Amino acid sequence: MNKIKPRKIWIIYGIVFAAFVCMGVFAGLHHEPWADEAQSWLIARDNNNLIDLLKAVKYEGTLPTWHLINKAFQLAGLDYDHMFVIPLVFSAIGVILLFFTDAPLWSKIMLPFSFFVVYQNSVVARQYAMVFPAMMLIVLFYRKRFDVPVRYHLALFLLALTSSFGVVISCSFMLWDFIMMLKKRFEGPAYKKYLLPFFGTGIVILVMSYLSLPPDDCSTALNKYSLSKNATNALLFNIENIALRYIFLALMLALFVYYFRRVLIQALVMTAPLIIFMAVVYQREWHMTYLFFLLVSLLMIFRDDFKKTERPFEKPANVLANIMVVMLLAVQCAAGVYSVYYEHQHAYSPAKEIAEFLRPYAGEGAVVDREGFNAIALSPYYDQPLYTNDTCGKAYFIWSYNVPNDKLTKEYPDVFVTFRYYEKFGQDYDVYKFDSHMIFKFGELETEPYIVYIRK
């Protein structure tokens, strides 16, 4: 079989990239940010100096990376309606980096349209948009990491900046190298050049993680969710039957063991910490982006080891393994396209609609109160705090049990935005319901309505 000429390959890449950007822009223009996205935007907008911003982020339980990026784009003149540009830029960089890897051509064509790339990390404006480009940098530098240790460890540092999940993955990669250095007793010219970037990055990541720990009065609680359900949904789609779910995961484990059979211990060292962290500490559906991109990256890094066929049975087994990977990626692409279509058909959040609906009341000086975190999704559409009961003069939600976020200004405010019905308002209020639709893969994830009470 004749190989495709480089010029034709880059024409293919250009078509793929243009189609990816068009899909991302289309979905972004129809996307209505959820409260999680509004929170980061508001923290960046309402804190004009670095110290205040860092103090606010401490209660978020994450690093200030995404909030600082939001601030930079705000200072550059980006408005809230076009916030999707931020994650789309990062995902587009990831797609370009993917083209420079030695992954097979079919994967470079399919991966940009997978659910986590074309939708979850290109449209939803959260820090997870940085995961894809960071992982692609790690893939590009991994095999030559002893030749370019600074660039490789900067890629690990970039991944660690995204969240605690990124820290776990970065430390897992470094753990394997530390084991190898111990085995070699830190001898050899390659290791000598590697030591300073290795320990420097490790120390910075540990200090950075310590400084990002939430304060004692932080009210956020980590709830445990079903890892088997979320992992199955991330790799395939939602399977309600527990037995079928574990059968699928057993098949994935068998594929994992076979694909990484020649580097199995190394692959386990790089993946087990993340899985344990997710199972024991915390994970939600959208956090599965880390698991997905970790597996994708390892498939690329150890592709040459997989292709070796020293035994007769390995050639047909390799073909079968590749078919399974292609099928899984095809499901991801179908979910990505469906999610973009769904975004066009259904409001991810009715926040903008409600904000316009309430604008006359806010302009007349009505007492507008809120209850619940989701209500802050309306706030970015106002230059000044919309809600009278916003705490500390800030429009964002403050995750502290010392801050009464939901304390009403008065028992019966003029306007009340919440997510549930209250019988006590009785006949004195007109009630308006606004539906929302949060999707993950092929299923709706959250459909909590917004309830708006207007005093008659």
Protein backbone atom coordinates (compact mmCIF):
# COMPACT_ATOMS: atom_id res chain seq x y z
CA MET A 1 0.00 0.00 0.00
CA ASN A 2 1.37 3.41 -1.00
CA LYS A 3 1.61 5.95 1.76
CA ILE A 4 -0.26 9.22 1.39
CA LYS A 5 2.03 12.06 0.41
CA PRO A 6 2.66 14.68 3.12
CA ARG A 7 0.98 17.42 1.09
CA LYS A 8 -2.23 15.41 0.77
CA ILE A 9 -2.11 14.50 4.46
CA TRP A 10 -2.02 18.19 5.43
CA ILE A 11 -4.93 18.86 3.09
CA ILE A 12 -6.85 16.19 5.03
CA TYR A 13 -5.75 17.79 8.29
CA GLY A 14 -6.92 21.19 7.04
CA ILE A 15 -10.36 19.82 6.18
CA VAL A 16 -10.64 18.07 9.55
CA PHE A 17 -9.54 21.20 11.42
CA ALA A 18 -11.93 23.47 9.52
CA ALA A 19 -14.84 21.08 10.12
CA PHE A 20 -13.94 20.86 13.81
CA VAL A 21 -13.81 24.64 14.26
CA CYS A 22 -17.09 25.10 12.37
CA MET A 23 -18.82 22.56 14.61
CA GLY A 24 -17.35 24.19 17.71
CA VAL A 25 -18.44 27.69 16.66
CA PHE A 26 -21.91 26.46 15.72
CA ALA A 27 -22.38 24.72 19.07
CA GLY A 28 -20.83 27.61 20.98
CA LEU A 29 -23.17 30.18 19.44
CA HIS A 30 -26.14 28.10 20.59
CA HIS A 31 -24.67 27.25 23.99
CA GLU A 32 -26.06 28.87 27.11
CA PRO A 33 -23.50 28.67 29.95
CA TRP A 34 -24.40 26.74 33.09
CA ALA A 35 -23.82 28.08 36.60
CA ASP A 36 -20.41 26.35 36.80
CA GLU A 37 -19.23 28.33 33.79
CA ALA A 38 -20.76 31.56 35.10
CA GLN A 39 -19.02 31.09 38.46
CA SER A 40 -15.51 31.20 36.98
CA TRP A 41 -16.41 34.16 34.76
CA LEU A 42 -17.89 36.10 37.71
CA ILE A 43 -14.92 35.42 40.00
CA ALA A 44 -12.62 36.79 37.30
CA ARG A 45 -14.88 39.76 36.56
CA ASP A 46 -15.67 40.83 40.13
CA ASN A 47 -12.09 40.70 41.46
CA ASN A 48 -9.88 43.39 39.99
CA ASN A 49 -6.67 42.49 41.75
CA LEU A 50 -4.77 39.23 41.93
CA ILE A 51 -4.90 38.83 45.72
CA ASP A 52 -8.70 39.07 45.87
CA LEU A 53 -9.04 36.67 42.96
CA LEU A 54 -6.77 34.11 44.61
CA LYS A 55 -8.72 34.40 47.87
CA ALA A 56 -12.00 33.79 46.03
CA VAL A 57 -10.64 30.78 44.16
CA LYS A 58 -9.51 29.13 47.41
CA TYR A 59 -13.16 28.30 48.10
CA GLU A 60 -13.54 26.65 44.68
CA GLY A 61 -11.30 23.73 45.62
CA THR A 62 -9.21 24.19 42.48
CA LEU A 63 -6.28 26.12 41.10
CA PRO A 64 -6.80 29.69 39.80
CA THR A 65 -5.58 28.81 36.28
CA TRP A 66 -8.93 28.95 34.53
CA HIS A 67 -10.03 32.08 36.38
CA LEU A 68 -6.84 33.89 35.36
CA ILE A 69 -7.40 32.81 31.75
CA ASN A 70 -10.96 34.16 31.95
CA LYS A 71 -9.59 37.43 33.33
CA ALA A 72 -7.10 37.74 30.47
CA PHE A 73 -9.83 37.27 27.87
CA GLN A 74 -12.07 39.75 29.68
CA LEU A 75 -9.30 42.35 29.65
CA ALA A 76 -8.90 41.65 25.92
CA GLY A 77 -12.55 42.60 25.42
CA LEU A 78 -14.29 39.22 25.18
CA ASP A 79 -17.93 39.39 26.25
CA TYR A 80 -19.84 36.68 28.08
CA ASP A 81 -21.90 35.68 25.03
CA HIS A 82 -18.71 34.55 23.31
CA MET A 83 -17.04 32.86 26.27
CA PHE A 84 -17.06 29.59 24.29
CA VAL A 85 -14.11 31.02 22.33
CA ILE A 86 -11.84 30.26 25.32
CA PRO A 87 -12.34 26.47 25.45
CA LEU A 88 -12.52 26.30 21.66
CA VAL A 89 -9.08 27.90 21.36
CA PHE A 90 -7.56 25.32 23.73
CA SER A 91 -9.25 22.41 21.97
CA ALA A 92 -8.16 23.73 18.57
CA ILE A 93 -4.56 23.81 19.83
CA GLY A 94 -5.02 20.22 20.98
CA VAL A 95 -6.23 19.18 17.52
CA ILE A 96 -3.22 20.84 15.86
CA LEU A 97 -0.85 19.07 18.29
CA LEU A 98 -2.63 15.78 17.54
CA PHE A 99 -1.70 16.16 13.87
CA PHE A 100 1.99 16.23 14.82
CA THR A 101 1.84 12.95 16.76
CA ASP A 102 2.52 9.64 15.03
CA ALA A 103 -0.96 8.32 15.78
CA PRO A 104 -2.66 6.55 12.83
CA LEU A 105 -4.41 8.76 10.30
CA TRP A 106 -7.87 7.36 11.07
CA SER A 107 -7.53 8.38 14.74
CA LYS A 108 -6.44 11.91 13.76
CA ILE A 109 -9.58 12.18 11.66
CA MET A 110 -11.95 10.74 14.26
CA LEU A 111 -10.63 12.03 17.59
CA PRO A 112 -11.35 15.75 16.95
CA PHE A 113 -15.05 14.90 16.60
CA SER A 114 -15.25 12.72 19.69
CA PHE A 115 -17.56 13.81 22.50
CA PHE A 116 -14.88 15.12 24.86
CA VAL A 117 -13.03 17.07 22.16
CA VAL A 118 -15.74 18.60 19.98
CA TYR A 119 -18.30 19.23 22.71
CA GLN A 120 -17.43 18.73 26.37
CA ASN A 121 -14.08 20.53 26.14
CA SER A 122 -14.74 22.87 23.21
CA VAL A 123 -18.14 24.30 24.10
CA VAL A 124 -18.47 24.04 27.88
CA ALA A 125 -16.18 26.72 29.31
CA ARG A 126 -14.43 24.99 32.18
CA GLN A 127 -10.80 24.24 32.98
CA TYR A 128 -11.05 20.76 31.49
CA ALA A 129 -10.60 22.38 28.06
CA MET A 130 -6.87 22.46 28.85
CA VAL A 131 -6.57 18.69 29.31
CA PHE A 132 -6.52 17.71 25.62
CA PRO A 133 -3.68 20.04 24.50
CA ALA A 134 -1.67 19.23 27.64
CA MET A 135 -1.97 15.49 27.03
CA MET A 136 -1.02 15.90 23.37
CA LEU A 137 2.12 17.79 24.43
CA ILE A 138 2.99 14.94 26.78
CA VAL A 139 2.51 12.45 23.91
CA LEU A 140 4.80 14.50 21.64
CA PHE A 141 7.58 14.76 24.21
CA TYR A 142 7.29 11.45 26.07
CA ARG A 143 9.60 9.24 24.00
CA LYS A 144 12.29 11.92 23.85
CA ARG A 145 11.74 13.22 27.37
CA PHE A 146 15.38 12.59 28.35
CA ASP A 147 16.48 14.73 25.41
CA VAL A 148 13.99 17.55 26.08
CA PRO A 149 13.33 17.25 29.83
CA VAL A 150 12.35 20.90 30.32
CA ARG A 151 9.68 20.83 27.59
CA TYR A 152 8.36 17.49 28.79
CA HIS A 153 8.03 18.64 32.39
CA LEU A 154 6.41 21.91 31.31
CA ALA A 155 3.77 19.75 29.60
CA LEU A 156 3.27 17.80 32.83
CA PHE A 157 3.05 21.08 34.73
CA LEU A 158 0.42 22.40 32.31
CA LEU A 159 -1.68 19.29 32.92
CA ALA A 160 -1.25 19.67 36.69
CA LEU A 161 -2.52 23.25 36.44
CA THR A 162 -5.95 22.06 35.28
CA SER A 163 -7.13 20.40 38.52
CA SER A 164 -6.34 17.78 41.15
CA PHE A 165 -7.03 15.08 38.53
CA GLY A 166 -4.31 16.59 36.36
CA VAL A 167 -1.96 16.62 39.35
CA VAL A 168 -2.58 12.90 39.89
CA ILE A 169 -1.81 12.03 36.26
CA SER A 170 1.32 14.21 36.14
CA CYS A 171 2.61 12.65 39.35
CA SER A 172 1.83 9.18 37.99
CA PHE A 173 4.02 9.79 34.94
CA MET A 174 6.75 11.14 37.18
CA LEU A 175 6.39 8.19 39.55
CA TRP A 176 7.37 5.76 36.81
CA ASP A 177 10.43 7.81 35.92
CA PHE A 178 11.37 7.98 39.61
CA ILE A 179 11.14 4.18 39.84
CA MET A 180 13.40 3.85 36.81
CA MET A 181 15.88 6.36 38.24
CA LEU A 182 15.98 4.43 41.51
CA LYS A 183 16.59 1.26 39.57
CA LYS A 184 19.52 2.90 37.76
CA ARG A 185 20.65 4.59 40.99
CA PHE A 186 20.37 7.96 39.25
CA GLU A 187 23.39 7.12 37.11
CA GLY A 188 23.94 7.89 33.44
CA PRO A 189 24.19 11.16 31.48
CA ALA A 190 20.49 11.10 30.51
CA TYR A 191 19.37 11.05 34.14
CA LYS A 192 21.80 13.78 35.17
CA LYS A 193 20.21 16.21 32.69
CA TYR A 194 16.78 14.98 33.76
CA LEU A 195 17.10 15.40 37.53
CA LEU A 196 16.74 19.17 37.87
CA PRO A 197 13.56 19.50 35.71
CA PHE A 198 12.14 16.37 37.37
CA PHE A 199 12.56 17.42 40.98
CA GLY A 200 11.88 21.08 40.20
CA THR A 201 8.54 20.25 38.59
CA GLY A 202 7.67 17.80 41.37
CA ILE A 203 8.32 20.33 44.12
CA VAL A 204 6.37 23.08 42.32
CA ILE A 205 3.39 20.76 41.78
CA LEU A 206 3.36 19.70 45.44
CA VAL A 207 3.64 23.30 46.73
CA MET A 208 1.01 24.46 44.25
CA SER A 209 -1.35 21.66 45.33
CA TYR A 210 -0.87 22.51 49.00
CA LEU A 211 -1.55 26.21 48.44
CA SER A 212 -4.76 25.39 46.55
CA LEU A 213 -6.29 23.45 49.44
CA PRO A 214 -9.61 25.04 50.47
CA PRO A 215 -9.79 26.98 53.78
CA ASP A 216 -11.30 25.49 56.92
CA ASP A 217 -14.63 27.26 56.48
CA CYS A 218 -15.14 25.93 52.94
CA SER A 219 -18.62 24.46 52.61
CA THR A 220 -18.17 22.37 49.44
CA ALA A 221 -18.73 18.67 50.02
CA LEU A 222 -17.31 15.86 47.90
CA ASN A 223 -19.99 13.30 47.08
CA LYS A 224 -19.04 9.84 45.86
CA TYR A 225 -20.61 8.73 42.59
CA SER A 226 -20.60 5.42 40.78
CA LEU A 227 -17.24 5.15 39.04
CA SER A 228 -18.37 2.08 37.09
CA LYS A 229 -21.36 4.01 35.72
CA ASN A 230 -19.39 7.14 34.87
CA ALA A 231 -16.48 5.22 33.33
CA THR A 232 -18.84 3.09 31.23
CA ASN A 233 -20.72 6.16 30.07
CA ALA A 234 -17.46 7.92 29.22
CA LEU A 235 -16.07 5.07 27.13
CA LEU A 236 -19.32 3.81 25.59
CA PHE A 237 -22.74 5.05 26.72
CA ASN A 238 -24.94 4.75 29.77
CA ILE A 239 -25.74 1.16 30.79
CA GLU A 240 -28.26 0.95 33.61
CA ASN A 241 -27.89 -2.79 34.19
CA ILE A 242 -25.03 -3.22 36.67
CA ALA A 243 -24.08 -6.70 35.42
CA LEU A 244 -23.80 -5.52 31.80
CA ARG A 245 -21.82 -2.51 32.96
CA TYR A 246 -19.22 -4.68 34.68
CA ILE A 247 -19.09 -7.06 31.71
CA PHE A 248 -18.23 -4.10 29.48
CA LEU A 249 -15.58 -2.86 31.91
CA ALA A 250 -14.12 -6.39 32.08
CA LEU A 251 -13.82 -6.35 28.28
CA MET A 252 -12.10 -2.97 28.49
CA LEU A 253 -9.71 -4.33 31.10
CA ALA A 254 -8.90 -7.28 28.82
CA LEU A 255 -8.25 -4.87 25.94
CA PHE A 256 -6.06 -2.76 28.24
CA VAL A 257 -4.02 -5.74 29.39
CA TYR A 258 -3.53 -7.00 25.84
CA TYR A 259 -2.71 -3.63 24.28
CA PHE A 260 -0.13 -2.80 26.96
CA ARG A 261 1.06 -6.38 27.44
CA ARG A 262 4.71 -5.46 26.89
CA VAL A 263 4.61 -2.42 29.18
CA LEU A 264 1.84 -3.54 31.51
CA ILE A 265 3.44 -2.55 34.82
CA GLN A 266 4.33 0.87 33.43
CA ALA A 267 0.80 1.38 32.08
CA LEU A 268 -0.68 0.37 35.44
CA VAL A 269 1.56 2.80 37.31
CA MET A 270 0.33 5.57 35.01
CA THR A 271 -3.39 4.75 35.21
CA ALA A 272 -4.06 3.15 38.61
CA PRO A 273 -3.56 6.33 40.72
CA LEU A 274 -6.20 8.24 38.74
CA ILE A 275 -8.71 5.40 38.93
CA ILE A 276 -8.12 4.96 42.68
CA PHE A 277 -8.39 8.72 43.23
CA MET A 278 -11.68 8.82 41.34
CA ALA A 279 -13.06 5.78 43.15
CA VAL A 280 -12.08 6.87 46.66
CA VAL A 281 -12.08 10.68 46.64
CA TYR A 282 -14.31 12.28 44.02
CA GLN A 283 -15.45 12.20 40.42
CA ARG A 284 -18.34 13.36 38.27
CA GLU A 285 -19.29 12.59 34.69
CA TRP A 286 -17.32 15.47 33.19
CA HIS A 287 -14.21 14.46 35.14
CA MET A 288 -14.07 11.36 32.93
CA THR A 289 -12.36 13.57 30.36
CA TYR A 290 -9.15 12.83 32.27
CA LEU A 291 -9.63 9.07 32.08
CA PHE A 292 -10.53 9.26 28.39
CA PHE A 293 -7.53 11.37 27.36
CA LEU A 294 -5.16 9.40 29.59
CA LEU A 295 -6.12 6.17 27.83
CA VAL A 296 -5.97 7.82 24.40
CA SER A 297 -2.53 9.23 25.16
CA LEU A 298 -1.18 5.90 26.37
CA LEU A 299 -2.49 4.22 23.22
CA MET A 300 -0.38 6.67 21.23
CA ILE A 301 2.70 6.52 23.46
CA PHE A 302 2.92 2.71 23.46
CA ARG A 303 1.67 2.13 19.90
CA ASP A 304 5.01 0.75 18.69
CA ASP A 305 5.09 -1.81 21.52
CA PHE A 306 1.56 -2.88 20.63
CA LYS A 307 2.35 -3.36 16.94
CA LYS A 308 5.07 -5.94 17.66
CA THR A 309 3.83 -9.42 16.69
CA GLU A 310 6.37 -11.94 17.96
CA ARG A 311 3.81 -14.75 18.36
CA PRO A 312 1.51 -16.13 15.62
CA PHE A 313 -1.72 -15.27 17.47
CA GLU A 314 -0.73 -11.62 17.93
CA LYS A 315 -1.40 -10.51 14.35
CA PRO A 316 -5.13 -11.37 14.35
CA ALA A 317 -5.40 -10.27 17.99
CA ASN A 318 -3.92 -6.88 17.10
CA VAL A 319 -6.45 -6.50 14.29
CA LEU A 320 -9.28 -7.31 16.71
CA ALA A 321 -7.93 -4.86 19.30
CA ASN A 322 -7.73 -2.11 16.67
CA ILE A 323 -11.30 -2.82 15.58
CA MET A 324 -12.49 -2.46 19.17
CA VAL A 325 -10.67 0.87 19.55
CA VAL A 326 -12.15 2.15 16.26
CA MET A 327 -15.64 1.10 17.37
CA LEU A 328 -15.26 2.90 20.71
CA LEU A 329 -14.00 6.00 18.95
CA ALA A 330 -16.92 5.79 16.52
CA VAL A 331 -19.31 5.87 19.49
CA GLN A 332 -17.46 8.92 20.80
CA CYS A 333 -17.85 10.65 17.42
CA ALA A 334 -21.55 9.83 17.28
CA ALA A 335 -21.96 11.25 20.79
CA GLY A 336 -20.01 14.38 19.83
CA VAL A 337 -22.13 15.09 16.75
CA TYR A 338 -25.33 14.31 18.66
CA SER A 339 -24.36 16.67 21.49
CA VAL A 340 -23.75 19.52 19.05
CA TYR A 341 -27.15 18.84 17.47
CA TYR A 342 -28.79 18.62 20.91
CA GLU A 343 -27.22 21.95 21.89
CA HIS A 344 -28.96 23.51 18.91
CA GLN A 345 -32.33 21.97 19.79
CA HIS A 346 -32.45 22.47 23.57
CA ALA A 347 -31.40 25.21 25.96
CA TYR A 348 -28.50 24.03 28.08
CA SER A 349 -29.61 26.74 30.52
CA PRO A 350 -32.39 29.34 30.23
CA ALA A 351 -30.25 31.91 32.05
CA LYS A 352 -30.09 34.49 29.26
CA GLU A 353 -33.84 34.24 28.65
CA ILE A 354 -34.57 34.77 32.34
CA ALA A 355 -32.05 37.61 32.57
CA GLU A 356 -33.84 39.48 29.78
CA PHE A 357 -37.18 38.66 31.35
CA LEU A 358 -36.08 40.22 34.66
CA ARG A 359 -34.32 43.25 33.20
CA PRO A 360 -37.35 45.57 33.56
CA TYR A 361 -37.77 44.59 37.21
CA ALA A 362 -34.08 45.10 37.96
CA GLY A 363 -34.21 48.46 36.20
CA GLU A 364 -37.12 49.57 38.39
CA GLY A 365 -35.18 48.80 41.56
CA ALA A 366 -37.15 45.70 42.53
CA VAL A 367 -35.79 43.49 45.29
CA VAL A 368 -34.58 40.43 43.36
CA ASP A 369 -33.38 37.54 45.53
CA ARG A 370 -31.96 34.16 44.63
CA GLU A 371 -31.68 30.75 46.18
CA GLY A 372 -29.28 28.02 45.10
CA PHE A 373 -26.04 27.97 43.17
CA ASN A 374 -27.66 27.60 39.73
CA ALA A 375 -29.34 31.02 40.01
CA ILE A 376 -26.00 32.80 39.53
CA ALA A 377 -26.07 31.79 35.84
CA LEU A 378 -28.13 34.96 35.28
CA SER A 379 -25.60 37.31 36.90
CA PRO A 380 -23.05 37.66 34.05
CA TYR A 381 -25.71 39.38 31.92
CA TYR A 382 -25.69 42.32 34.35
CA ASP A 383 -22.77 44.67 34.92
CA GLN A 384 -23.88 45.17 38.51
CA PRO A 385 -25.10 42.48 40.95
CA LEU A 386 -28.63 41.44 39.98
CA TYR A 387 -29.60 39.95 43.31
CA THR A 388 -30.21 42.06 46.38
CA ASN A 389 -29.09 39.19 48.59
CA ASP A 390 -25.73 38.70 46.83
CA THR A 391 -23.18 38.39 49.60
CA CYS A 392 -20.17 40.68 50.13
CA GLY A 393 -21.13 42.70 47.05
CA LYS A 394 -20.05 39.83 44.78
CA ALA A 395 -22.24 38.21 42.14
CA TYR A 396 -20.59 34.78 42.42
CA PHE A 397 -21.43 32.09 44.96
CA ILE A 398 -19.15 31.96 48.01
CA TRP A 399 -18.63 28.40 49.19
CA SER A 400 -18.30 29.14 52.89
CA TYR A 401 -20.52 27.99 55.71
CA ASN A 402 -19.86 31.39 57.32
CA VAL A 403 -21.49 33.19 54.39
CA PRO A 404 -25.31 33.14 54.17
CA ASN A 405 -25.60 32.84 50.39
CA ASP A 406 -29.33 32.08 50.37
CA LYS A 407 -30.55 34.43 53.09
CA LEU A 408 -33.47 36.44 51.69
CA THR A 409 -33.42 40.22 51.89
CA LYS A 410 -36.96 40.07 53.20
CA GLU A 411 -39.46 37.28 53.68
CA TYR A 412 -41.40 38.18 50.54
CA PRO A 413 -39.08 39.77 47.95
CA ASP A 414 -40.41 41.40 44.78
CA VAL A 415 -38.75 38.75 42.61
CA PHE A 416 -37.38 35.38 43.65
CA VAL A 417 -35.27 33.03 41.48
CA THR A 418 -34.95 29.46 42.69
CA PHE A 419 -35.15 25.83 41.56
CA ARG A 420 -38.17 24.64 43.56
CA TYR A 421 -41.76 25.51 44.33
CA TYR A 422 -42.77 27.29 47.54
CA GLU A 423 -46.33 27.01 48.77
CA LYS A 424 -45.88 29.97 51.12
CA PHE A 425 -45.94 32.43 48.22
CA GLY A 426 -49.50 31.26 47.47
CA GLN A 427 -51.69 33.70 45.57
CA ASP A 428 -49.38 36.69 45.95
CA TYR A 429 -46.96 35.75 43.16
CA ASP A 430 -47.05 34.87 39.49
CA VAL A 431 -44.96 31.75 38.89
CA TYR A 432 -42.84 31.20 35.76
CA LYS A 433 -41.01 27.97 34.96
CA PHE A 434 -37.97 27.80 32.67
CA ASP A 435 -36.61 24.39 31.66
CA SER A 436 -32.94 23.49 31.28
CA HIS A 437 -31.19 20.51 29.72
CA MET A 438 -27.67 19.42 30.59
CA ILE A 439 -26.45 16.56 28.39
CA PHE A 440 -23.64 14.05 28.84
CA LYS A 441 -23.07 11.76 25.87
CA PHE A 442 -26.49 10.45 24.77
CA GLY A 443 -28.45 11.17 27.94
CA GLU A 444 -29.70 14.17 29.87
CA LEU A 445 -27.71 14.65 33.03
CA GLU A 446 -29.52 17.43 34.86
CA THR A 447 -32.89 18.96 34.08
CA GLU A 448 -33.51 21.12 37.12
CA PRO A 449 -35.94 23.89 36.15
CA TYR A 450 -35.62 27.52 37.13
CA ILE A 451 -38.65 28.87 39.00
CA VAL A 452 -39.19 32.63 38.96
CA TYR A 453 -41.69 34.23 41.36
CA ILE A 454 -42.93 37.73 40.52
CA ARG A 455 -44.99 39.58 43.14
CA LYS A 456 -48.36 40.56 41.70
